[in-house]
C-alpha cells in the first residue's frame, strides 16, 4: 500500500494541508518528519493552504510499499486569460 501527501516548500518550511483526523494526522506527521528532516515541517490551515497553493508549486510525496519515496510536482490548472 502506498502513502502519499501533498506538500509545498515556502517561507523556509515544508507545508502540508490540515489532516482529516487527529490520529491519522499524527502518523502522517511522523512519516513526513522522517522524510523531510532537517527541514521544518508545518501544518497549514485550510485558508493558508489555499493561499500557498496559489503562490507556490505543489508537490506530492509518495512512498511505495517497499519504502522507496519519490517527490513529483503537481500540475497547476492553467490561469484563465482576462479579456
C-alpha atoms as a PDB file:
ATOM      1  CA  UNK A   1       0.000   0.000   0.000  1.00  0.00           C
ATOM      2  CA  UNK A   2       1.397   3.394  -0.978  1.00  0.00           C
ATOM      3  CA  UNK A   3       1.210   6.527   1.156  1.00  0.00           C
ATOM      4  CA  UNK A   4       1.101   9.995  -0.310  1.00  0.00           C
ATOM      5  CA  UNK A   5       0.780  13.572   0.836  1.00  0.00           C
ATOM      6  CA  UNK A   6       0.797  16.941  -0.877  1.00  0.00           C
ATOM      7  CA  UNK A   7       3.352  19.492   0.297  1.00  0.00           C
ATOM      8  CA  UNK A   8       4.730  22.923  -0.536  1.00  0.00           C
ATOM      9  CA  UNK A   9       8.198  24.321   0.132  1.00  0.00           C
ATOM     10  CA  UNK A  10       7.798  28.002   1.009  1.00  0.00           C
ATOM     11  CA  UNK A  11       8.902  30.564   3.573  1.00  0.00           C
ATOM     12  CA  UNK A  12      11.811  28.333   4.634  1.00  0.00           C
ATOM     13  CA  UNK A  13       9.490  25.472   5.626  1.00  0.00           C
ATOM     14  CA  UNK A  14       7.697  22.441   4.243  1.00  0.00           C
ATOM     15  CA  UNK A  15       3.931  22.986   4.451  1.00  0.00           C
ATOM     16  CA  UNK A  16       1.288  20.243   4.417  1.00  0.00           C
ATOM     17  CA  UNK A  17      -2.515  20.555   4.463  1.00  0.00           C
ATOM     18  CA  UNK A  18      -4.587  20.016   7.586  1.00  0.00           C
ATOM     19  CA  UNK A  19      -5.174  16.294   8.201  1.00  0.00           C
ATOM     20  CA  UNK A  20      -8.646  14.781   8.202  1.00  0.00           C
ATOM     21  CA  UNK A  21      -8.263  13.163  11.639  1.00  0.00           C
ATOM     22  CA  UNK A  22      -6.122  13.611  14.738  1.00  0.00           C
ATOM     23  CA  UNK A  23      -4.646  10.105  14.816  1.00  0.00           C
ATOM     24  CA  UNK A  24      -4.121   9.901  11.058  1.00  0.00           C
ATOM     25  CA  UNK A  25      -2.553  13.363  11.158  1.00  0.00           C
ATOM     26  CA  UNK A  26      -0.145  12.315  13.902  1.00  0.00           C
ATOM     27  CA  UNK A  27       1.003   9.235  11.955  1.00  0.00           C
ATOM     28  CA  UNK A  28       1.344  11.287   8.763  1.00  0.00           C
ATOM     29  CA  UNK A  29       3.340  13.968  10.591  1.00  0.00           C
ATOM     30  CA  UNK A  30       5.818  11.383  11.986  1.00  0.00           C
ATOM     31  CA  UNK A  31       6.302   9.920   8.476  1.00  0.00           C
ATOM     32  CA  UNK A  32       6.833  13.368   6.960  1.00  0.00           C
ATOM     33  CA  UNK A  33       9.256  14.427   9.711  1.00  0.00           C
ATOM     34  CA  UNK A  34      11.445  11.410   8.942  1.00  0.00           C
ATOM     35  CA  UNK A  35      11.426  12.177   5.208  1.00  0.00           C
ATOM     36  CA  UNK A  36      11.985  15.940   5.375  1.00  0.00           C
ATOM     37  CA  UNK A  37      14.458  16.054   8.297  1.00  0.00           C
ATOM     38  CA  UNK A  38      16.179  18.517   8.926  1.00  0.00           C
ATOM     39  CA  UNK A  39      13.654  20.842   7.218  1.00  0.00           C
ATOM     40  CA  UNK A  40      10.935  22.401   9.395  1.00  0.00           C
ATOM     41  CA  UNK A  41       7.512  20.827   8.858  1.00  0.00           C
ATOM     42  CA  UNK A  42       4.367  22.938   9.362  1.00  0.00           C
ATOM     43  CA  UNK A  43       0.650  22.206   9.043  1.00  0.00           C
ATOM     44  CA  UNK A  44      -1.271  24.903   7.169  1.00  0.00           C
ATOM     45  CA  UNK A  45      -4.868  25.823   7.945  1.00  0.00           C
ATOM     46  CA  UNK A  46      -7.354  25.356   5.093  1.00  0.00           C
ATOM     47  CA  UNK A  47      -7.222  29.066   4.303  1.00  0.00           C
ATOM     48  CA  UNK A  48      -3.415  29.215   4.419  1.00  0.00           C
ATOM     49  CA  UNK A  49      -3.098  26.083   2.285  1.00  0.00           C
ATOM     50  CA  UNK A  50      -5.261  27.684  -0.408  1.00  0.00           C
ATOM     51  CA  UNK A  51      -3.069  30.804  -0.429  1.00  0.00           C
ATOM     52  CA  UNK A  52       0.129  28.754  -0.505  1.00  0.00           C
ATOM     53  CA  UNK A  53      -1.204  26.715  -3.448  1.00  0.00           C
ATOM     54  CA  UNK A  54      -1.869  29.870  -5.434  1.00  0.00           C
ATOM     55  CA  UNK A  55       1.573  31.321  -4.737  1.00  0.00           C
ATOM     56  CA  UNK A  56       3.825  28.225  -4.916  1.00  0.00           C
ATOM     57  CA  UNK A  57       4.424  24.911  -6.665  1.00  0.00           C
ATOM     58  CA  UNK A  58       2.629  21.954  -5.078  1.00  0.00           C
ATOM     59  CA  UNK A  59       4.356  18.570  -4.833  1.00  0.00           C
ATOM     60  CA  UNK A  60       3.268  15.089  -3.798  1.00  0.00           C
ATOM     61  CA  UNK A  61       5.434  12.806  -1.684  1.00  0.00           C
ATOM     62  CA  UNK A  62       4.742   9.141  -2.471  1.00  0.00           C
ATOM     63  CA  UNK A  63       6.062   6.147  -0.533  1.00  0.00           C
ATOM     64  CA  UNK A  64       5.675   2.783  -2.238  1.00  0.00           C
ATOM     65  CA  UNK A  65       5.138  -0.443  -0.294  1.00  0.00           C
ATOM     66  CA  UNK A  66       8.886  -1.186  -0.432  1.00  0.00           C
ATOM     67  CA  UNK A  67       9.663   2.055   1.412  1.00  0.00           C
ATOM     68  CA  UNK A  68      11.030   3.926  -1.626  1.00  0.00           C
ATOM     69  CA  UNK A  69       9.899   7.570  -1.691  1.00  0.00           C
ATOM     70  CA  UNK A  70       9.591   9.992  -4.578  1.00  0.00           C
ATOM     71  CA  UNK A  71       8.506  13.603  -4.973  1.00  0.00           C
ATOM     72  CA  UNK A  72       6.630  14.838  -8.006  1.00  0.00           C
ATOM     73  CA  UNK A  73       5.278  18.221  -8.978  1.00  0.00           C
ATOM     74  CA  UNK A  74       1.509  18.598  -9.306  1.00  0.00           C
ATOM     75  CA  UNK A  75       0.419  20.386 -12.453  1.00  0.00           C
ATOM     76  CA  UNK A  76      -1.406  23.617 -11.743  1.00  0.00           C
ATOM     77  CA  UNK A  77      -4.548  24.424 -13.686  1.00  0.00           C
ATOM     78  CA  UNK A  78      -3.937  26.991 -16.385  1.00  0.00           C
ATOM     79  CA  UNK A  79      -4.947  30.512 -15.473  1.00  0.00           C
ATOM     80  CA  UNK A  80      -7.804  31.972 -17.452  1.00  0.00           C
ATOM     81  CA  UNK A  81      -6.869  34.903 -19.626  1.00  0.00           C
ATOM     82  CA  UNK A  82      -8.586  38.162 -18.833  1.00  0.00           C
ATOM     83  CA  UNK A  83     -10.476  39.772 -21.672  1.00  0.00           C
END
